[in-house]
PDB file of N, CA and C in Angstrom:
ATOM      1  N   MET A   1      -2.255 -32.641  56.699  1.00  0.00           N
ATOM      2  CA  MET A   1      -0.904 -32.690  57.048  1.00  0.00           C
ATOM      3  C   MET A   1      -0.491 -34.098  57.534  1.00  0.00           C
ATOM      4  N   LEU A   2       0.487 -34.740  57.216  1.00  0.00           N
ATOM      5  CA  LEU A   2       0.958 -35.981  57.670  1.00  0.00           C
ATOM      6  C   LEU A   2       1.588 -35.796  59.021  1.00  0.00           C
ATOM      7  N   ARG A   3       1.396 -36.895  59.736  1.00  0.00           N
ATOM      8  CA  ARG A   3       1.986 -36.815  61.166  1.00  0.00           C
ATOM      9  C   ARG A   3       3.249 -37.555  61.371  1.00  0.00           C
ATOM     10  N   ILE A   4       3.867 -37.765  60.234  1.00  0.00           N
ATOM     11  CA  ILE A   4       5.249 -38.351  60.344  1.00  0.00           C
ATOM     12  C   ILE A   4       6.119 -37.820  61.157  1.00  0.00           C
ATOM     13  N   LYS A   5       6.329 -36.653  61.216  1.00  0.00           N
ATOM     14  CA  LYS A   5       7.238 -35.792  62.259  1.00  0.00           C
ATOM     15  C   LYS A   5       6.954 -36.101  63.592  1.00  0.00           C
ATOM     16  N   GLU A   6       5.603 -36.060  63.842  1.00  0.00           N
ATOM     17  CA  GLU A   6       5.290 -36.246  65.269  1.00  0.00           C
ATOM     18  C   GLU A   6       5.377 -37.677  65.646  1.00  0.00           C
ATOM     19  N   ILE A   7       5.047 -38.627  64.985  1.00  0.00           N
ATOM     20  CA  ILE A   7       5.498 -40.063  65.050  1.00  0.00           C
ATOM     21  C   ILE A   7       6.968 -40.384  65.114  1.00  0.00           C
ATOM     22  N   LEU A   8       7.821 -39.752  64.630  1.00  0.00           N
ATOM     23  CA  LEU A   8       9.195 -39.874  64.620  1.00  0.00           C
ATOM     24  C   LEU A   8       9.692 -39.351  65.892  1.00  0.00           C
ATOM     25  N   LYS A   9       9.129 -38.184  66.434  1.00  0.00           N
ATOM     26  CA  LYS A   9       9.489 -37.702  67.704  1.00  0.00           C
ATOM     27  C   LYS A   9       9.011 -38.520  68.907  1.00  0.00           C
ATOM     28  N   GLN A  10       7.687 -39.112  68.689  1.00  0.00           N
ATOM     29  CA  GLN A  10       7.250 -40.024  69.764  1.00  0.00           C
ATOM     30  C   GLN A  10       8.239 -41.123  69.951  1.00  0.00           C
ATOM     31  N   LYS A  11       8.700 -41.786  68.771  1.00  0.00           N
ATOM     32  CA  LYS A  11       9.655 -42.642  68.675  1.00  0.00           C
ATOM     33  C   LYS A  11      11.064 -42.533  69.026  1.00  0.00           C
ATOM     34  N   GLY A  12      11.387 -41.252  69.195  1.00  0.00           N
ATOM     35  CA  GLY A  12      12.789 -40.832  69.290  1.00  0.00           C
ATOM     36  C   GLY A  12      13.676 -41.064  68.163  1.00  0.00           C
ATOM     37  N   LEU A  13      13.098 -40.982  67.063  1.00  0.00           N
ATOM     38  CA  LEU A  13      13.769 -41.019  65.680  1.00  0.00           C
ATOM     39  C   LEU A  13      13.908 -39.618  64.915  1.00  0.00           C
ATOM     40  N   THR A  14      14.671 -39.573  64.026  1.00  0.00           N
ATOM     41  CA  THR A  14      14.909 -38.494  63.251  1.00  0.00           C
ATOM     42  C   THR A  14      14.422 -38.995  61.739  1.00  0.00           C
ATOM     43  N   ILE A  15      14.222 -37.935  60.983  1.00  0.00           N
ATOM     44  CA  ILE A  15      13.875 -38.037  59.344  1.00  0.00           C
ATOM     45  C   ILE A  15      15.026 -38.885  58.808  1.00  0.00           C
ATOM     46  N   GLN A  16      16.370 -38.477  59.173  1.00  0.00           N
ATOM     47  CA  GLN A  16      17.663 -39.295  58.736  1.00  0.00           C
ATOM     48  C   GLN A  16      17.382 -40.718  58.991  1.00  0.00           C
ATOM     49  N   ASP A  17      17.115 -40.989  60.419  1.00  0.00           N
ATOM     50  CA  ASP A  17      17.056 -42.378  60.709  1.00  0.00           C
ATOM     51  C   ASP A  17      15.945 -43.150  59.913  1.00  0.00           C
ATOM     52  N   LEU A  18      14.635 -42.511  59.566  1.00  0.00           N
ATOM     53  CA  LEU A  18      13.632 -43.219  58.958  1.00  0.00           C
ATOM     54  C   LEU A  18      14.226 -43.448  57.447  1.00  0.00           C
ATOM     55  N   ALA A  19      14.837 -42.232  56.812  1.00  0.00           N
ATOM     56  CA  ALA A  19      15.480 -42.388  55.622  1.00  0.00           C
ATOM     57  C   ALA A  19      16.461 -43.699  55.397  1.00  0.00           C
ATOM     58  N   ASN A  20      17.333 -43.830  56.520  1.00  0.00           N
ATOM     59  CA  ASN A  20      18.145 -44.957  56.540  1.00  0.00           C
ATOM     60  C   ASN A  20      17.377 -46.369  56.621  1.00  0.00           C
ATOM     61  N   ILE A  21      16.367 -46.512  57.396  1.00  0.00           N
ATOM     62  CA  ILE A  21      15.501 -47.629  57.580  1.00  0.00           C
ATOM     63  C   ILE A  21      14.938 -47.892  56.051  1.00  0.00           C
ATOM     64  N   LEU A  22      14.574 -46.974  55.442  1.00  0.00           N
ATOM     65  CA  LEU A  22      13.804 -47.230  54.096  1.00  0.00           C
ATOM     66  C   LEU A  22      14.800 -47.435  53.062  1.00  0.00           C
ATOM     67  N   GLY A  23      16.109 -47.031  53.184  1.00  0.00           N
ATOM     68  CA  GLY A  23      17.205 -47.217  52.210  1.00  0.00           C
ATOM     69  C   GLY A  23      17.077 -46.069  51.186  1.00  0.00           C
ATOM     70  N   ILE A  24      16.733 -44.780  51.516  1.00  0.00           N
ATOM     71  CA  ILE A  24      16.749 -43.650  50.574  1.00  0.00           C
ATOM     72  C   ILE A  24      17.323 -42.607  51.382  1.00  0.00           C
ATOM     73  N   SER A  25      17.691 -41.500  50.511  1.00  0.00           N
ATOM     74  CA  SER A  25      18.415 -40.463  51.029  1.00  0.00           C
ATOM     75  C   SER A  25      17.323 -39.415  51.804  1.00  0.00           C
ATOM     76  N   ARG A  26      17.694 -38.768  52.627  1.00  0.00           N
ATOM     77  CA  ARG A  26      17.027 -37.808  53.434  1.00  0.00           C
ATOM     78  C   ARG A  26      16.323 -36.837  52.671  1.00  0.00           C
ATOM     79  N   GLN A  27      17.035 -36.496  51.376  1.00  0.00           N
ATOM     80  CA  GLN A  27      16.314 -35.416  50.560  1.00  0.00           C
ATOM     81  C   GLN A  27      15.160 -36.140  49.805  1.00  0.00           C
ATOM     82  N   ALA A  28      15.354 -37.310  49.356  1.00  0.00           N
ATOM     83  CA  ALA A  28      14.397 -37.993  48.775  1.00  0.00           C
ATOM     84  C   ALA A  28      13.014 -38.405  49.570  1.00  0.00           C
ATOM     85  N   LEU A  29      13.427 -38.649  50.860  1.00  0.00           N
ATOM     86  CA  LEU A  29      12.242 -38.793  51.915  1.00  0.00           C
ATOM     87  C   LEU A  29      11.454 -37.286  52.022  1.00  0.00           C
ATOM     88  N   GLY A  30      12.372 -36.222  52.295  1.00  0.00           N
ATOM     89  CA  GLY A  30      11.780 -35.071  52.390  1.00  0.00           C
ATOM     90  C   GLY A  30      10.868 -34.625  51.311  1.00  0.00           C
ATOM     91  N   LYS A  31      11.147 -34.942  50.002  1.00  0.00           N
ATOM     92  CA  LYS A  31      10.401 -34.658  48.881  1.00  0.00           C
ATOM     93  C   LYS A  31       9.081 -35.482  48.878  1.00  0.00           C
ATOM     94  N   GLN A  32       9.199 -36.587  49.327  1.00  0.00           N
ATOM     95  CA  GLN A  32       8.026 -37.466  49.338  1.00  0.00           C
ATOM     96  C   GLN A  32       6.962 -37.210  50.498  1.00  0.00           C
ATOM     97  N   ILE A  33       7.588 -36.801  51.498  1.00  0.00           N
ATOM     98  CA  ILE A  33       6.792 -36.168  52.792  1.00  0.00           C
ATOM     99  C   ILE A  33       6.068 -34.881  52.200  1.00  0.00           C
ATOM    100  N   GLN A  34       6.821 -33.931  51.580  1.00  0.00           N
ATOM    101  CA  GLN A  34       6.267 -32.763  51.299  1.00  0.00           C
ATOM    102  C   GLN A  34       5.265 -32.824  50.010  1.00  0.00           C
ATOM    103  N   GLY A  35       5.680 -33.736  49.051  1.00  0.00           N
ATOM    104  CA  GLY A  35       4.744 -33.770  47.910  1.00  0.00           C
ATOM    105  C   GLY A  35       3.695 -34.772  47.932  1.00  0.00           C
ATOM    106  N   LYS A  36       3.118 -35.282  46.695  1.00  0.00           N
ATOM    107  CA  LYS A  36       2.267 -36.199  46.676  1.00  0.00           C
ATOM    108  C   LYS A  36       2.766 -37.468  47.033  1.00  0.00           C
ATOM    109  N   MET A  37       2.414 -38.140  47.800  1.00  0.00           N
ATOM    110  CA  MET A  37       2.994 -39.561  48.390  1.00  0.00           C
ATOM    111  C   MET A  37       2.207 -40.604  47.921  1.00  0.00           C
ATOM    112  N   LEU A  38       2.962 -41.685  47.263  1.00  0.00           N
ATOM    113  CA  LEU A  38       2.320 -42.875  46.615  1.00  0.00           C
ATOM    114  C   LEU A  38       1.752 -43.684  47.878  1.00  0.00           C
ATOM    115  N   LEU A  39       0.707 -44.572  47.544  1.00  0.00           N
ATOM    116  CA  LEU A  39       0.487 -45.314  48.729  1.00  0.00           C
ATOM    117  C   LEU A  39       1.413 -46.253  49.138  1.00  0.00           C
ATOM    118  N   GLU A  40       2.199 -46.757  48.172  1.00  0.00           N
ATOM    119  CA  GLU A  40       3.344 -47.755  48.514  1.00  0.00           C
ATOM    120  C   GLU A  40       4.267 -47.214  49.448  1.00  0.00           C
ATOM    121  N   THR A  41       4.499 -45.905  49.194  1.00  0.00           N
ATOM    122  CA  THR A  41       5.608 -45.092  50.026  1.00  0.00           C
ATOM    123  C   THR A  41       5.034 -44.939  51.423  1.00  0.00           C
ATOM    124  N   ALA A  42       3.561 -44.691  51.468  1.00  0.00           N
ATOM    125  CA  ALA A  42       3.031 -44.407  52.791  1.00  0.00           C
ATOM    126  C   ALA A  42       3.121 -45.798  53.590  1.00  0.00           C
ATOM    127  N   GLU A  43       2.787 -47.013  52.908  1.00  0.00           N
ATOM    128  CA  GLU A  43       2.852 -48.226  53.540  1.00  0.00           C
ATOM    129  C   GLU A  43       4.179 -48.650  54.113  1.00  0.00           C
ATOM    130  N   ARG A  44       5.269 -48.301  53.210  1.00  0.00           N
ATOM    131  CA  ARG A  44       6.537 -48.392  53.658  1.00  0.00           C
ATOM    132  C   ARG A  44       6.850 -47.696  54.896  1.00  0.00           C
ATOM    133  N   ILE A  45       6.656 -46.333  54.976  1.00  0.00           N
ATOM    134  CA  ILE A  45       6.864 -45.558  56.008  1.00  0.00           C
ATOM    135  C   ILE A  45       6.065 -46.239  57.313  1.00  0.00           C
ATOM    136  N   ALA A  46       4.816 -46.364  57.164  1.00  0.00           N
ATOM    137  CA  ALA A  46       4.209 -47.005  58.365  1.00  0.00           C
ATOM    138  C   ALA A  46       4.853 -48.246  58.851  1.00  0.00           C
ATOM    139  N   THR A  47       5.117 -48.915  57.910  1.00  0.00           N
ATOM    140  CA  THR A  47       5.754 -50.273  58.364  1.00  0.00           C
ATOM    141  C   THR A  47       7.096 -50.105  59.104  1.00  0.00           C
ATOM    142  N   ALA A  48       7.824 -49.199  58.568  1.00  0.00           N
ATOM    143  CA  ALA A  48       9.168 -48.722  59.222  1.00  0.00           C
ATOM    144  C   ALA A  48       9.033 -48.168  60.533  1.00  0.00           C
ATOM    145  N   LEU A  49       8.025 -47.412  60.773  1.00  0.00           N
ATOM    146  CA  LEU A  49       7.488 -46.778  62.021  1.00  0.00           C
ATOM    147  C   LEU A  49       6.761 -47.742  63.003  1.00  0.00           C
ATOM    148  N   ASN A  50       6.314 -48.831  62.514  1.00  0.00           N
ATOM    149  CA  ASN A  50       5.553 -49.727  63.065  1.00  0.00           C
ATOM    150  C   ASN A  50       4.392 -49.274  63.664  1.00  0.00           C
ATOM    151  N   VAL A  51       3.559 -48.532  62.877  1.00  0.00           N
ATOM    152  CA  VAL A  51       2.139 -47.928  63.199  1.00  0.00           C
ATOM    153  C   VAL A  51       1.196 -48.383  62.099  1.00  0.00           C
ATOM    154  N   PRO A  52      -0.068 -48.363  62.228  1.00  0.00           N
ATOM    155  CA  PRO A  52      -0.988 -48.635  61.122  1.00  0.00           C
ATOM    156  C   PRO A  52      -0.858 -47.330  60.210  1.00  0.00           C
ATOM    157  N   MET A  53      -1.045 -47.587  58.904  1.00  0.00           N
ATOM    158  CA  MET A  53      -0.944 -46.557  57.878  1.00  0.00           C
ATOM    159  C   MET A  53      -1.951 -45.330  58.211  1.00  0.00           C
ATOM    160  N   TRP A  54      -3.124 -45.579  58.715  1.00  0.00           N
ATOM    161  CA  TRP A  54      -4.086 -44.420  58.903  1.00  0.00           C
ATOM    162  C   TRP A  54      -3.494 -43.528  60.043  1.00  0.00           C
ATOM    163  N   GLN A  55      -2.564 -43.735  60.843  1.00  0.00           N
ATOM    164  CA  GLN A  55      -2.020 -42.782  61.671  1.00  0.00           C
ATOM    165  C   GLN A  55      -1.096 -41.757  61.164  1.00  0.00           C
ATOM    166  N   LEU A  56      -0.709 -42.207  59.993  1.00  0.00           N
ATOM    167  CA  LEU A  56      -0.019 -41.169  59.227  1.00  0.00           C
ATOM    168  C   LEU A  56      -0.820 -39.867  58.825  1.00  0.00           C
ATOM    169  N   PHE A  57      -2.118 -40.283  58.634  1.00  0.00           N
ATOM    170  CA  PHE A  57      -3.057 -39.135  57.978  1.00  0.00           C
ATOM    171  C   PHE A  57      -4.075 -38.612  59.112  1.00  0.00           C
ATOM    172  N   ALA A  58      -4.188 -39.352  60.231  1.00  0.00           N
ATOM    173  CA  ALA A  58      -4.975 -38.798  61.316  1.00  0.00           C
ATOM    174  C   ALA A  58      -4.755 -37.552  62.061  1.00  0.00           C
ATOM    175  N   ALA A  59      -5.852 -36.919  62.457  1.00  0.00           N
ATOM    176  CA  ALA A  59      -5.431 -35.715  63.252  1.00  0.00           C
ATOM    177  C   ALA A  59      -4.984 -36.475  64.715  1.00  0.00           C
ATOM    178  N   PRO A  60      -4.108 -35.538  65.440  1.00  0.00           N
ATOM    179  CA  PRO A  60      -3.808 -36.183  66.809  1.00  0.00           C
ATOM    180  C   PRO A  60      -4.956 -36.528  67.604  1.00  0.00           C
ATOM    181  N   GLU A  61      -6.045 -35.904  67.649  1.00  0.00           N
ATOM    182  CA  GLU A  61      -7.048 -36.331  68.503  1.00  0.00           C
ATOM    183  C   GLU A  61      -7.611 -37.540  68.218  1.00  0.00           C
ATOM    184  N   GLU A  62      -7.597 -37.993  67.009  1.00  0.00           N
ATOM    185  CA  GLU A  62      -8.064 -39.369  66.381  1.00  0.00           C
ATOM    186  C   GLU A  62      -7.155 -40.535  66.984  1.00  0.00           C
ATOM    187  N   VAL A  63      -5.894 -40.186  67.297  1.00  0.00           N
ATOM    188  CA  VAL A  63      -5.092 -41.284  67.773  1.00  0.00           C
ATOM    189  C   VAL A  63      -4.905 -41.125  69.267  1.00  0.00           C
ATOM    190  N   GLN A  64      -6.063 -41.749  70.032  1.00  0.00           N
ATOM    191  CA  GLN A  64      -6.154 -41.464  71.344  1.00  0.00           C
ATOM    192  C   GLN A  64      -5.857 -42.743  72.212  1.00  0.00           C
ATOM    193  N   ALA A  65      -6.708 -43.353  72.848  1.00  0.00           N
ATOM    194  CA  ALA A  65      -6.604 -44.397  73.855  1.00  0.00           C
ATOM    195  C   ALA A  65      -5.709 -45.487  73.404  1.00  0.00           C
ATOM    196  N   ASN A  66      -5.916 -46.009  72.167  1.00  0.00           N
ATOM    197  CA  ASN A  66      -5.236 -47.236  71.792  1.00  0.00           C
ATOM    198  C   ASN A  66      -4.525 -46.815  70.285  1.00  0.00           C
ATOM    199  N   PRO A  67      -3.271 -46.180  70.531  1.00  0.00           N
ATOM    200  CA  PRO A  67      -2.657 -45.732  69.323  1.00  0.00           C
ATOM    201  C   PRO A  67      -2.069 -47.051  68.567  1.00  0.00           C
ATOM    202  N   GLU A  68      -1.830 -48.074  69.014  1.00  0.00           N
ATOM    203  CA  GLU A  68      -1.429 -49.301  68.177  1.00  0.00           C
ATOM    204  C   GLU A  68      -2.399 -49.946  67.679  1.00  0.00           C
ATOM    205  N   SER A  69      -3.564 -49.591  67.699  1.00  0.00           N
ATOM    206  CA  SER A  69      -4.954 -50.277  67.250  1.00  0.00           C
ATOM    207  C   SER A  69      -4.919 -50.089  65.562  1.00  0.00           C
ATOM    208  N   ASN A  70      -5.308 -51.055  64.855  1.00  0.00           N
ATOM    209  CA  ASN A  70      -5.364 -50.937  63.423  1.00  0.00           C
ATOM    210  C   ASN A  70      -6.678 -50.494  62.926  1.00  0.00           C
ATOM    211  N   CYS A  71      -7.442 -50.058  64.092  1.00  0.00           N
ATOM    212  CA  CYS A  71      -8.879 -49.440  63.769  1.00  0.00           C
ATOM    213  C   CYS A  71      -8.626 -48.045  64.063  1.00  0.00           C
ATOM    214  N   ALA A  72      -9.261 -47.360  62.981  1.00  0.00           N
ATOM    215  CA  ALA A  72      -9.169 -45.902  63.057  1.00  0.00           C
ATOM    216  C   ALA A  72     -10.510 -45.530  64.044  1.00  0.00           C
ATOM    217  N   ARG A  73     -10.308 -44.517  64.828  1.00  0.00           N
ATOM    218  CA  ARG A  73     -11.378 -43.933  65.779  1.00  0.00           C
ATOM    219  C   ARG A  73     -11.847 -42.636  65.041  1.00  0.00           C
ATOM    220  N   ILE A  74     -13.000 -42.590  64.696  1.00  0.00           N
ATOM    221  CA  ILE A  74     -13.663 -41.487  64.015  1.00  0.00           C
ATOM    222  C   ILE A  74     -14.356 -40.407  65.011  1.00  0.00           C
ATOM    223  N   ILE A  75     -13.858 -39.245  65.183  1.00  0.00           N
ATOM    224  CA  ILE A  75     -14.507 -38.275  65.940  1.00  0.00           C
ATOM    225  C   ILE A  75     -15.271 -37.280  65.177  1.00  0.00           C
ATOM    226  N   CYS A  76     -16.615 -37.171  65.796  1.00  0.00           N
ATOM    227  CA  CYS A  76     -17.502 -35.913  65.185  1.00  0.00           C
ATOM    228  C   CYS A  76     -16.933 -34.667  65.319  1.00  0.00           C
ATOM    229  N   PRO A  77     -16.568 -33.894  64.257  1.00  0.00           N
ATOM    230  CA  PRO A  77     -15.930 -32.517  64.431  1.00  0.00           C
ATOM    231  C   PRO A  77     -16.933 -31.704  65.177  1.00  0.00           C
ATOM    232  N   HIS A  78     -18.286 -31.811  65.294  1.00  0.00           N
ATOM    233  CA  HIS A  78     -19.180 -30.980  66.028  1.00  0.00           C
ATOM    234  C   HIS A  78     -19.129 -31.228  67.353  1.00  0.00           C
ATOM    235  N   CYS A  79     -19.570 -32.481  67.871  1.00  0.00           N
ATOM    236  CA  CYS A  79     -19.784 -32.685  69.219  1.00  0.00           C
ATOM    237  C   CYS A  79     -18.532 -33.260  69.976  1.00  0.00           C
ATOM    238  N   LYS A  80     -17.272 -33.737  68.955  1.00  0.00           N
ATOM    239  CA  LYS A  80     -16.143 -34.371  69.629  1.00  0.00           C
ATOM    240  C   LYS A  80     -16.460 -35.636  70.099  1.00  0.00           C
ATOM    241  N   LYS A  81     -17.452 -36.315  69.850  1.00  0.00           N
ATOM    242  CA  LYS A  81     -17.797 -37.731  70.520  1.00  0.00           C
ATOM    243  C   LYS A  81     -17.263 -38.691  69.424  1.00  0.00           C
ATOM    244  N   ALA A  82     -16.843 -40.056  69.840  1.00  0.00           N
ATOM    245  CA  ALA A  82     -16.453 -41.066  69.040  1.00  0.00           C
ATOM    246  C   ALA A  82     -17.840 -41.500  68.344  1.00  0.00           C
ATOM    247  N   ILE A  83     -17.461 -41.663  66.950  1.00  0.00           N
ATOM    248  CA  ILE A  83     -18.705 -42.366  66.238  1.00  0.00           C
ATOM    249  C   ILE A  83     -18.498 -43.813  65.975  1.00  0.00           C
ATOM    250  N   PRO A  84     -19.620 -44.399  66.531  1.00  0.00           N
ATOM    251  CA  PRO A  84     -19.416 -45.858  66.422  1.00  0.00           C
ATOM    252  C   PRO A  84     -19.288 -46.393  64.982  1.00  0.00           C
ATOM    253  N   LEU A  85     -18.244 -47.352  64.785  1.00  0.00           N
ATOM    254  CA  LEU A  85     -17.844 -47.886  63.492  1.00  0.00           C
ATOM    255  C   LEU A  85     -17.831 -49.446  63.577  1.00  0.00           C
ATOM    256  N   GLU A  86     -18.450 -50.022  62.613  1.00  0.00           N
ATOM    257  CA  GLU A  86     -18.510 -51.429  62.547  1.00  0.00           C
ATOM    258  C   GLU A  86     -17.972 -51.818  61.180  1.00  0.00           C
ATOM    259  N   ILE A  87     -17.016 -52.541  60.918  1.00  0.00           N
ATOM    260  CA  ILE A  87     -16.454 -52.876  59.671  1.00  0.00           C
ATOM    261  C   ILE A  87     -16.476 -54.464  59.737  1.00  0.00           C
ATOM    262  N   GLY A  88     -17.197 -55.149  58.596  1.00  0.00           N
ATOM    263  CA  GLY A  88     -17.297 -56.547  58.527  1.00  0.00           C
ATOM    264  C   GLY A  88     -16.493 -56.796  57.181  1.00  0.00           C
ATOM    265  N   ILE A  89     -15.945 -58.125  57.361  1.00  0.00           N
ATOM    266  CA  ILE A  89     -15.005 -58.665  56.255  1.00  0.00           C
ATOM    267  C   ILE A  89     -15.670 -60.140  56.176  1.00  0.00           C
ATOM    268  N   ARG A  90     -15.938 -60.324  54.876  1.00  0.00           N
ATOM    269  CA  ARG A  90     -16.582 -61.598  54.651  1.00  0.00           C
ATOM    270  C   ARG A  90     -15.725 -62.469  53.584  1.00  0.00           C
ATOM    271  N   ASN A  91     -15.423 -63.646  53.973  1.00  0.00           N
ATOM    272  CA  ASN A  91     -14.534 -64.494  53.084  1.00  0.00           C
ATOM    273  C   ASN A  91     -15.621 -65.482  52.402  1.00  0.00           C
ATOM    274  N   GLU A  92     -15.967 -65.109  51.308  1.00  0.00           N
ATOM    275  CA  GLU A  92     -16.761 -65.890  50.583  1.00  0.00           C
ATOM    276  C   GLU A  92     -16.286 -67.351  50.321  1.00  0.00           C
ATOM    277  N   GLU A  93     -15.101 -67.655  50.152  1.00  0.00           N
ATOM    278  CA  GLU A  93     -14.452 -68.894  50.009  1.00  0.00           C
ATOM    279  C   GLU A  93     -14.742 -69.818  51.079  1.00  0.00           C
ATOM    280  N   HIS A  94     -14.655 -69.350  52.317  1.00  0.00           N
ATOM    281  CA  HIS A  94     -14.749 -70.191  53.485  1.00  0.00           C
ATOM    282  C   HIS A  94     -16.017 -69.887  54.284  1.00  0.00           C
ATOM    283  N   GLY A  95     -16.819 -69.015  54.003  1.00  0.00           N
ATOM    284  CA  GLY A  95     -18.148 -68.681  54.663  1.00  0.00           C
ATOM    285  C   GLY A  95     -17.874 -67.939  56.017  1.00  0.00           C
ATOM    286  N   ASN A  96     -16.642 -67.445  56.200  1.00  0.00           N
ATOM    287  CA  ASN A  96     -16.302 -66.733  57.566  1.00  0.00           C
ATOM    288  C   ASN A  96     -16.895 -65.303  57.404  1.00  0.00           C
ATOM    289  N   ASP A  97     -17.458 -64.895  58.546  1.00  0.00           N
ATOM    290  CA  ASP A  97     -17.933 -63.472  58.601  1.00  0.00           C
ATOM    291  C   ASP A  97     -17.239 -63.004  59.912  1.00  0.00           C
ATOM    292  N   THR A  98     -16.514 -61.905  59.759  1.00  0.00           N
ATOM    293  CA  THR A  98     -15.685 -61.324  61.010  1.00  0.00           C
ATOM    294  C   THR A  98     -16.132 -59.979  60.955  1.00  0.00           C
ATOM    295  N   THR A  99     -16.542 -59.463  62.157  1.00  0.00           N
ATOM    296  CA  THR A  99     -17.045 -57.887  62.365  1.00  0.00           C
ATOM    297  C   THR A  99     -16.315 -57.460  63.425  1.00  0.00           C
ATOM    298  N   ALA A 100     -15.647 -56.208  63.247  1.00  0.00           N
ATOM    299  CA  ALA A 100     -14.920 -55.588  64.121  1.00  0.00           C
ATOM    300  C   ALA A 100     -15.665 -54.309  64.503  1.00  0.00           C
ATOM    301  N   LYS A 101     -16.002 -54.176  65.880  1.00  0.00           N
ATOM    302  CA  LYS A 101     -16.753 -52.924  66.237  1.00  0.00           C
ATOM    303  C   LYS A 101     -15.728 -51.997  66.955  1.00  0.00           C
ATOM    304  N   GLN A 102     -16.010 -50.792  66.761  1.00  0.00           N
ATOM    305  CA  GLN A 102     -15.153 -49.731  67.308  1.00  0.00           C
ATOM    306  C   GLN A 102     -15.901 -48.749  68.333  1.00  0.00           C
TER     307      GLN A 102
END
């Protein structure tokens, strides 16, 4: 289930407000939220709400201490502890290697 309605409530916005920001009708937005959403649509909604796209799909407990972070926090469903996550990005052209740890 998408968290769009929860995020709207946190930001004091309505679905109509979001539809206006996106330049579409409330009905069109409702159909997109209820149906199969295209990646492009999810990106536009995340940008309009000023949140990382992963937050639209995360469980509420996954959006914890740092809700503005671009890093997803993965929680073990069994022990409820955070799973260490390391993501590396390598830029072959410039030889840069950046690693972000969570």
